[in-house]
Amino acid sequence: MALFKKRTVGKPGEWFYCLEHKKVEEGPECPAKDRFGPYATRQEAERAMQTAADRNLEWDTDPKWHDRAGRPDDTE
């Protein structure tokens, strides 16, 4: 018995952003390793890259995390 069932067809209304083709897809057309999602709306999927950038910036500037030690750009 497989631990994860491979889903070949997406559910209607599931939106993904394909990193390989840089386009929005309804249902998973490309492999999971090449996409973000699912998103509830096409508009959310269209903003996937901006959402990821915003989250990365938020995490990078979160004062509760101090894991920058040892990085080349570390100024402390």
PDB file of N, CA and C in Angstrom:
ATOM      1  N   MET A   1       0.844  -1.183   0.000  1.00  0.00           N
ATOM      2  CA  MET A   1       0.000   0.000   0.000  1.00  0.00           C
ATOM      3  C   MET A   1       0.889   1.246   0.000  1.00  0.00           C
ATOM      4  N   ALA A   2       0.622   2.135  -0.901  1.00  0.00           N
ATOM      5  CA  ALA A   2       1.414   3.359  -1.013  1.00  0.00           C
ATOM      6  C   ALA A   2       1.061   4.327   0.109  1.00  0.00           C
ATOM      7  N   LEU A   3       2.092   5.007   0.597  1.00  0.00           N
ATOM      8  CA  LEU A   3       1.880   5.981   1.654  1.00  0.00           C
ATOM      9  C   LEU A   3       1.124   7.200   1.128  1.00  0.00           C
ATOM     10  N   PHE A   4       1.479   7.621  -0.057  1.00  0.00           N
ATOM     11  CA  PHE A   4       0.805   8.761  -0.678  1.00  0.00           C
ATOM     12  C   PHE A   4       0.239   8.313  -2.019  1.00  0.00           C
ATOM     13  N   LYS A   5      -1.016   8.607  -2.238  1.00  0.00           N
ATOM     14  CA  LYS A   5      -1.648   8.257  -3.499  1.00  0.00           C
ATOM     15  C   LYS A   5      -1.363   9.360  -4.506  1.00  0.00           C
ATOM     16  N   LYS A   6      -0.849   9.002  -5.663  1.00  0.00           N
ATOM     17  CA  LYS A   6      -0.561   9.976  -6.708  1.00  0.00           C
ATOM     18  C   LYS A   6      -1.866  10.407  -7.357  1.00  0.00           C
ATOM     19  N   ARG A   7      -2.093  11.697  -7.318  1.00  0.00           N
ATOM     20  CA  ARG A   7      -3.317  12.241  -7.894  1.00  0.00           C
ATOM     21  C   ARG A   7      -2.978  12.762  -9.282  1.00  0.00           C
ATOM     22  N   THR A   8      -3.651  12.275 -10.284  1.00  0.00           N
ATOM     23  CA  THR A   8      -3.350  12.680 -11.652  1.00  0.00           C
ATOM     24  C   THR A   8      -4.272  13.783 -12.148  1.00  0.00           C
ATOM     25  N   VAL A   9      -5.414  13.938 -11.521  1.00  0.00           N
ATOM     26  CA  VAL A   9      -6.382  14.941 -11.961  1.00  0.00           C
ATOM     27  C   VAL A   9      -6.685  15.859 -10.788  1.00  0.00           C
ATOM     28  N   GLY A  10      -6.655  17.155 -11.049  1.00  0.00           N
ATOM     29  CA  GLY A  10      -6.949  18.108  -9.989  1.00  0.00           C
ATOM     30  C   GLY A  10      -8.433  18.263  -9.762  1.00  0.00           C
ATOM     31  N   LYS A  11      -8.744  18.819  -8.630  1.00  0.00           N
ATOM     32  CA  LYS A  11     -10.139  19.113  -8.326  1.00  0.00           C
ATOM     33  C   LYS A  11     -10.516  20.426  -9.001  1.00  0.00           C
ATOM     34  N   PRO A  12     -11.725  20.545  -9.488  1.00  0.00           N
ATOM     35  CA  PRO A  12     -12.153  21.827 -10.057  1.00  0.00           C
ATOM     36  C   PRO A  12     -12.033  22.922  -9.000  1.00  0.00           C
ATOM     37  N   GLY A  13     -11.500  24.037  -9.406  1.00  0.00           N
ATOM     38  CA  GLY A  13     -11.354  25.154  -8.488  1.00  0.00           C
ATOM     39  C   GLY A  13     -10.029  25.190  -7.762  1.00  0.00           C
ATOM     40  N   GLU A  14      -9.163  24.198  -7.950  1.00  0.00           N
ATOM     41  CA  GLU A  14      -7.821  24.233  -7.376  1.00  0.00           C
ATOM     42  C   GLU A  14      -6.888  24.897  -8.387  1.00  0.00           C
ATOM     43  N   TRP A  15      -6.162  25.884  -7.930  1.00  0.00           N
ATOM     44  CA  TRP A  15      -5.264  26.624  -8.806  1.00  0.00           C
ATOM     45  C   TRP A  15      -3.830  26.460  -8.334  1.00  0.00           C
ATOM     46  N   PHE A  16      -2.916  26.370  -9.266  1.00  0.00           N
ATOM     47  CA  PHE A  16      -1.500  26.184  -8.983  1.00  0.00           C
ATOM     48  C   PHE A  16      -0.694  27.166  -9.815  1.00  0.00           C
ATOM     49  N   TYR A  17       0.519  27.466  -9.334  1.00  0.00           N
ATOM     50  CA  TYR A  17       1.454  28.260 -10.124  1.00  0.00           C
ATOM     51  C   TYR A  17       2.623  27.348 -10.480  1.00  0.00           C
ATOM     52  N   CYS A  18       2.864  27.144 -11.765  1.00  0.00           N
ATOM     53  CA  CYS A  18       3.942  26.286 -12.239  1.00  0.00           C
ATOM     54  C   CYS A  18       5.233  27.099 -12.309  1.00  0.00           C
ATOM     55  N   LEU A  19       6.235  26.665 -11.553  1.00  0.00           N
ATOM     56  CA  LEU A  19       7.523  27.348 -11.526  1.00  0.00           C
ATOM     57  C   LEU A  19       8.315  27.106 -12.807  1.00  0.00           C
ATOM     58  N   GLU A  20       8.114  25.967 -13.428  1.00  0.00           N
ATOM     59  CA  GLU A  20       8.832  25.620 -14.651  1.00  0.00           C
ATOM     60  C   GLU A  20       8.339  26.448 -15.841  1.00  0.00           C
ATOM     61  N   HIS A  21       7.020  26.543 -15.999  1.00  0.00           N
ATOM     62  CA  HIS A  21       6.434  27.236 -17.146  1.00  0.00           C
ATOM     63  C   HIS A  21       6.034  28.672 -16.838  1.00  0.00           C
ATOM     64  N   LYS A  22       6.109  29.034 -15.536  1.00  0.00           N
ATOM     65  CA  LYS A  22       5.751  30.384 -15.082  1.00  0.00           C
ATOM     66  C   LYS A  22       4.335  30.763 -15.522  1.00  0.00           C
ATOM     67  N   LYS A  23       3.404  29.843 -15.208  1.00  0.00           N
ATOM     68  CA  LYS A  23       2.010  30.091 -15.563  1.00  0.00           C
ATOM     69  C   LYS A  23       1.086  29.487 -14.525  1.00  0.00           C
ATOM     70  N   VAL A  24      -0.140  29.963 -14.523  1.00  0.00           N
ATOM     71  CA  VAL A  24      -1.175  29.470 -13.620  1.00  0.00           C
ATOM     72  C   VAL A  24      -1.877  28.292 -14.285  1.00  0.00           C
ATOM     73  N   GLU A  25      -2.153  27.267 -13.483  1.00  0.00           N
ATOM     74  CA  GLU A  25      -2.839  26.073 -13.983  1.00  0.00           C
ATOM     75  C   GLU A  25      -4.036  25.772 -13.102  1.00  0.00           C
ATOM     76  N   GLU A  26      -5.123  25.323 -13.695  1.00  0.00           N
ATOM     77  CA  GLU A  26      -6.240  24.818 -12.900  1.00  0.00           C
ATOM     78  C   GLU A  26      -6.057  23.319 -12.791  1.00  0.00           C
ATOM     79  N   GLY A  27      -5.932  22.858 -11.573  1.00  0.00           N
ATOM     80  CA  GLY A  27      -5.600  21.450 -11.352  1.00  0.00           C
ATOM     81  C   GLY A  27      -4.116  21.244 -11.576  1.00  0.00           C
ATOM     82  N   PRO A  28      -3.540  20.228 -10.962  1.00  0.00           N
ATOM     83  CA  PRO A  28      -2.104  20.029 -11.126  1.00  0.00           C
ATOM     84  C   PRO A  28      -1.769  19.430 -12.487  1.00  0.00           C
ATOM     85  N   GLU A  29      -1.192  20.233 -13.351  1.00  0.00           N
ATOM     86  CA  GLU A  29      -0.762  19.743 -14.653  1.00  0.00           C
ATOM     87  C   GLU A  29       0.696  19.298 -14.608  1.00  0.00           C
ATOM     88  N   CYS A  30       1.510  20.018 -13.842  1.00  0.00           N
ATOM     89  CA  CYS A  30       2.940  19.734 -13.758  1.00  0.00           C
ATOM     90  C   CYS A  30       3.252  19.003 -12.449  1.00  0.00           C
ATOM     91  N   PRO A  31       4.431  18.380 -12.355  1.00  0.00           N
ATOM     92  CA  PRO A  31       4.801  17.664 -11.124  1.00  0.00           C
ATOM     93  C   PRO A  31       4.823  18.584  -9.908  1.00  0.00           C
ATOM     94  N   ALA A  32       4.581  18.015  -8.751  1.00  0.00           N
ATOM     95  CA  ALA A  32       4.508  18.788  -7.508  1.00  0.00           C
ATOM     96  C   ALA A  32       5.796  19.551  -7.239  1.00  0.00           C
ATOM     97  N   LYS A  33       6.934  19.017  -7.633  1.00  0.00           N
ATOM     98  CA  LYS A  33       8.201  19.691  -7.384  1.00  0.00           C
ATOM     99  C   LYS A  33       8.324  20.993  -8.167  1.00  0.00           C
ATOM    100  N   ASP A  34       7.483  21.200  -9.162  1.00  0.00           N
ATOM    101  CA  ASP A  34       7.556  22.381 -10.020  1.00  0.00           C
ATOM    102  C   ASP A  34       6.407  23.353  -9.811  1.00  0.00           C
ATOM    103  N   ARG A  35       5.689  23.253  -8.692  1.00  0.00           N
ATOM    104  CA  ARG A  35       4.534  24.137  -8.557  1.00  0.00           C
ATOM    105  C   ARG A  35       4.303  24.565  -7.113  1.00  0.00           C
ATOM    106  N   PHE A  36       3.622  25.691  -6.972  1.00  0.00           N
ATOM    107  CA  PHE A  36       3.108  26.181  -5.700  1.00  0.00           C
ATOM    108  C   PHE A  36       1.609  25.975  -5.727  1.00  0.00           C
ATOM    109  N   GLY A  37       1.025  25.683  -4.583  1.00  0.00           N
ATOM    110  CA  GLY A  37      -0.423  25.570  -4.510  1.00  0.00           C
ATOM    111  C   GLY A  37      -0.830  24.345  -3.741  1.00  0.00           C
ATOM    112  N   PRO A  38      -2.103  24.093  -3.627  1.00  0.00           N
ATOM    113  CA  PRO A  38      -3.198  24.736  -4.353  1.00  0.00           C
ATOM    114  C   PRO A  38      -3.638  26.052  -3.722  1.00  0.00           C
ATOM    115  N   TYR A  39      -4.176  26.900  -4.556  1.00  0.00           N
ATOM    116  CA  TYR A  39      -4.771  28.174  -4.154  1.00  0.00           C
ATOM    117  C   TYR A  39      -6.264  28.112  -4.437  1.00  0.00           C
ATOM    118  N   ALA A  40      -7.019  28.891  -3.694  1.00  0.00           N
ATOM    119  CA  ALA A  40      -8.480  28.878  -3.829  1.00  0.00           C
ATOM    120  C   ALA A  40      -8.954  29.602  -5.083  1.00  0.00           C
ATOM    121  N   THR A  41      -8.176  30.596  -5.531  1.00  0.00           N
ATOM    122  CA  THR A  41      -8.593  31.375  -6.705  1.00  0.00           C
ATOM    123  C   THR A  41      -7.437  31.526  -7.690  1.00  0.00           C
ATOM    124  N   ARG A  42      -7.782  31.831  -8.909  1.00  0.00           N
ATOM    125  CA  ARG A  42      -6.773  32.084  -9.939  1.00  0.00           C
ATOM    126  C   ARG A  42      -5.913  33.288  -9.553  1.00  0.00           C
ATOM    127  N   GLN A  43      -6.537  34.311  -8.981  1.00  0.00           N
ATOM    128  CA  GLN A  43      -5.810  35.512  -8.596  1.00  0.00           C
ATOM    129  C   GLN A  43      -4.749  35.208  -7.538  1.00  0.00           C
ATOM    130  N   GLU A  44      -5.065  34.356  -6.572  1.00  0.00           N
ATOM    131  CA  GLU A  44      -4.079  33.970  -5.562  1.00  0.00           C
ATOM    132  C   GLU A  44      -2.904  33.248  -6.218  1.00  0.00           C
ATOM    133  N   ALA A  45      -3.189  32.365  -7.159  1.00  0.00           N
ATOM    134  CA  ALA A  45      -2.129  31.639  -7.857  1.00  0.00           C
ATOM    135  C   ALA A  45      -1.271  32.588  -8.686  1.00  0.00           C
ATOM    136  N   GLU A  46      -1.885  33.601  -9.289  1.00  0.00           N
ATOM    137  CA  GLU A  46      -1.127  34.581 -10.073  1.00  0.00           C
ATOM    138  C   GLU A  46      -0.143  35.355  -9.207  1.00  0.00           C
ATOM    139  N   ARG A  47      -0.469  35.518  -7.925  1.00  0.00           N
ATOM    140  CA  ARG A  47       0.396  36.248  -6.999  1.00  0.00           C
ATOM    141  C   ARG A  47       1.343  35.325  -6.233  1.00  0.00           C
ATOM    142  N   ALA A  48       1.466  34.085  -6.619  1.00  0.00           N
ATOM    143  CA  ALA A  48       2.252  33.105  -5.868  1.00  0.00           C
ATOM    144  C   ALA A  48       3.692  33.552  -5.638  1.00  0.00           C
ATOM    145  N   MET A  49       4.345  34.064  -6.642  1.00  0.00           N
ATOM    146  CA  MET A  49       5.743  34.472  -6.495  1.00  0.00           C
ATOM    147  C   MET A  49       5.866  35.674  -5.560  1.00  0.00           C
ATOM    148  N   GLN A  50       4.940  36.617  -5.647  1.00  0.00           N
ATOM    149  CA  GLN A  50       4.978  37.769  -4.743  1.00  0.00           C
ATOM    150  C   GLN A  50       4.668  37.340  -3.314  1.00  0.00           C
ATOM    151  N   THR A  51       3.730  36.422  -3.143  1.00  0.00           N
ATOM    152  CA  THR A  51       3.405  35.904  -1.815  1.00  0.00           C
ATOM    153  C   THR A  51       4.627  35.227  -1.207  1.00  0.00           C
ATOM    154  N   ALA A  52       5.342  34.425  -1.998  1.00  0.00           N
ATOM    155  CA  ALA A  52       6.548  33.746  -1.504  1.00  0.00           C
ATOM    156  C   ALA A  52       7.620  34.767  -1.132  1.00  0.00           C
ATOM    157  N   ALA A  53       7.807  35.793  -1.954  1.00  0.00           N
ATOM    158  CA  ALA A  53       8.800  36.827  -1.652  1.00  0.00           C
ATOM    159  C   ALA A  53       8.439  37.577  -0.375  1.00  0.00           C
ATOM    160  N   ASP A  54       7.166  37.909  -0.213  1.00  0.00           N
ATOM    161  CA  ASP A  54       6.710  38.600   1.008  1.00  0.00           C
ATOM    162  C   ASP A  54       6.952  37.746   2.246  1.00  0.00           C
ATOM    163  N   ARG A  55       6.646  36.458   2.156  1.00  0.00           N
ATOM    164  CA  ARG A  55       6.849  35.564   3.300  1.00  0.00           C
ATOM    165  C   ARG A  55       8.334  35.400   3.618  1.00  0.00           C
ATOM    166  N   ASN A  56       9.151  35.282   2.585  1.00  0.00           N
ATOM    167  CA  ASN A  56      10.595  35.153   2.812  1.00  0.00           C
ATOM    168  C   ASN A  56      11.144  36.391   3.510  1.00  0.00           C
ATOM    169  N   LEU A  57      10.715  37.569   3.072  1.00  0.00           N
ATOM    170  CA  LEU A  57      11.161  38.808   3.702  1.00  0.00           C
ATOM    171  C   LEU A  57      10.706  38.867   5.155  1.00  0.00           C
ATOM    172  N   GLU A  58       9.467  38.477   5.400  1.00  0.00           N
ATOM    173  CA  GLU A  58       8.937  38.468   6.762  1.00  0.00           C
ATOM    174  C   GLU A  58       9.747  37.528   7.652  1.00  0.00           C
ATOM    175  N   TRP A  59      10.066  36.344   7.145  1.00  0.00           N
ATOM    176  CA  TRP A  59      10.842  35.383   7.935  1.00  0.00           C
ATOM    177  C   TRP A  59      12.279  35.864   8.123  1.00  0.00           C
ATOM    178  N   ASP A  60      12.876  36.455   7.088  1.00  0.00           N
ATOM    179  CA  ASP A  60      14.259  36.933   7.184  1.00  0.00           C
ATOM    180  C   ASP A  60      14.411  38.068   8.180  1.00  0.00           C
ATOM    181  N   THR A  61      13.354  38.840   8.377  1.00  0.00           N
ATOM    182  CA  THR A  61      13.436  39.989   9.279  1.00  0.00           C
ATOM    183  C   THR A  61      12.736  39.753  10.609  1.00  0.00           C
ATOM    184  N   ASP A  62      12.324  38.522  10.879  1.00  0.00           N
ATOM    185  CA  ASP A  62      11.659  38.192  12.138  1.00  0.00           C
ATOM    186  C   ASP A  62      12.690  38.200  13.271  1.00  0.00           C
ATOM    187  N   PRO A  63      12.522  39.074  14.265  1.00  0.00           N
ATOM    188  CA  PRO A  63      13.520  39.160  15.339  1.00  0.00           C
ATOM    189  C   PRO A  63      13.566  37.910  16.228  1.00  0.00           C
ATOM    190  N   LYS A  64      12.583  37.044  16.147  1.00  0.00           N
ATOM    191  CA  LYS A  64      12.586  35.828  16.952  1.00  0.00           C
ATOM    192  C   LYS A  64      13.546  34.777  16.406  1.00  0.00           C
ATOM    193  N   TRP A  65      13.983  34.922  15.156  1.00  0.00           N
ATOM    194  CA  TRP A  65      14.881  33.951  14.541  1.00  0.00           C
ATOM    195  C   TRP A  65      16.269  34.562  14.448  1.00  0.00           C
ATOM    196  N   HIS A  66      17.244  33.825  14.942  1.00  0.00           N
ATOM    197  CA  HIS A  66      18.627  34.306  14.911  1.00  0.00           C
ATOM    198  C   HIS A  66      19.517  33.238  14.296  1.00  0.00           C
ATOM    199  N   ASP A  67      19.153  32.775  13.130  1.00  0.00           N
ATOM    200  CA  ASP A  67      19.921  31.715  12.484  1.00  0.00           C
ATOM    201  C   ASP A  67      20.837  32.247  11.387  1.00  0.00           C
ATOM    202  N   ARG A  68      21.155  33.528  11.416  1.00  0.00           N
ATOM    203  CA  ARG A  68      22.007  34.128  10.398  1.00  0.00           C
ATOM    204  C   ARG A  68      23.491  33.917  10.689  1.00  0.00           C
ATOM    205  N   ALA A  69      23.848  33.493  11.876  1.00  0.00           N
ATOM    206  CA  ALA A  69      25.252  33.301  12.229  1.00  0.00           C
ATOM    207  C   ALA A  69      25.917  32.333  11.259  1.00  0.00           C
ATOM    208  N   GLY A  70      27.106  32.713  10.828  1.00  0.00           N
ATOM    209  CA  GLY A  70      27.851  31.854   9.922  1.00  0.00           C
ATOM    210  C   GLY A  70      27.620  32.142   8.464  1.00  0.00           C
ATOM    211  N   ARG A  71      26.664  32.974   8.142  1.00  0.00           N
ATOM    212  CA  ARG A  71      26.433  33.318   6.741  1.00  0.00           C
ATOM    213  C   ARG A  71      27.467  34.391   6.319  1.00  0.00           C
ATOM    214  N   PRO A  72      27.873  34.386   5.073  1.00  0.00           N
ATOM    215  CA  PRO A  72      28.867  35.361   4.607  1.00  0.00           C
ATOM    216  C   PRO A  72      28.446  36.805   4.788  1.00  0.00           C
ATOM    217  N   ASP A  73      27.146  37.111   4.725  1.00  0.00           N
ATOM    218  CA  ASP A  73      26.683  38.489   4.849  1.00  0.00           C
ATOM    219  C   ASP A  73      26.381  38.870   6.293  1.00  0.00           C
ATOM    220  N   ASP A  74      26.789  38.035   7.241  1.00  0.00           N
ATOM    221  CA  ASP A  74      26.527  38.272   8.664  1.00  0.00           C
ATOM    222  C   ASP A  74      27.378  39.451   9.132  1.00  0.00           C
ATOM    223  N   THR A  75      26.747  40.472   9.721  1.00  0.00           N
ATOM    224  CA  THR A  75      27.473  41.666  10.149  1.00  0.00           C
ATOM    225  C   THR A  75      27.647  41.722  11.652  1.00  0.00           C
ATOM    226  N   GLU A  76      27.185  40.742  12.378  1.00  0.00           N
ATOM    227  CA  GLU A  76      27.299  40.743  13.845  1.00  0.00           C
ATOM    228  C   GLU A  76      28.653  40.270  14.276  1.00  0.00           C
TER     229      GLU A  76
END
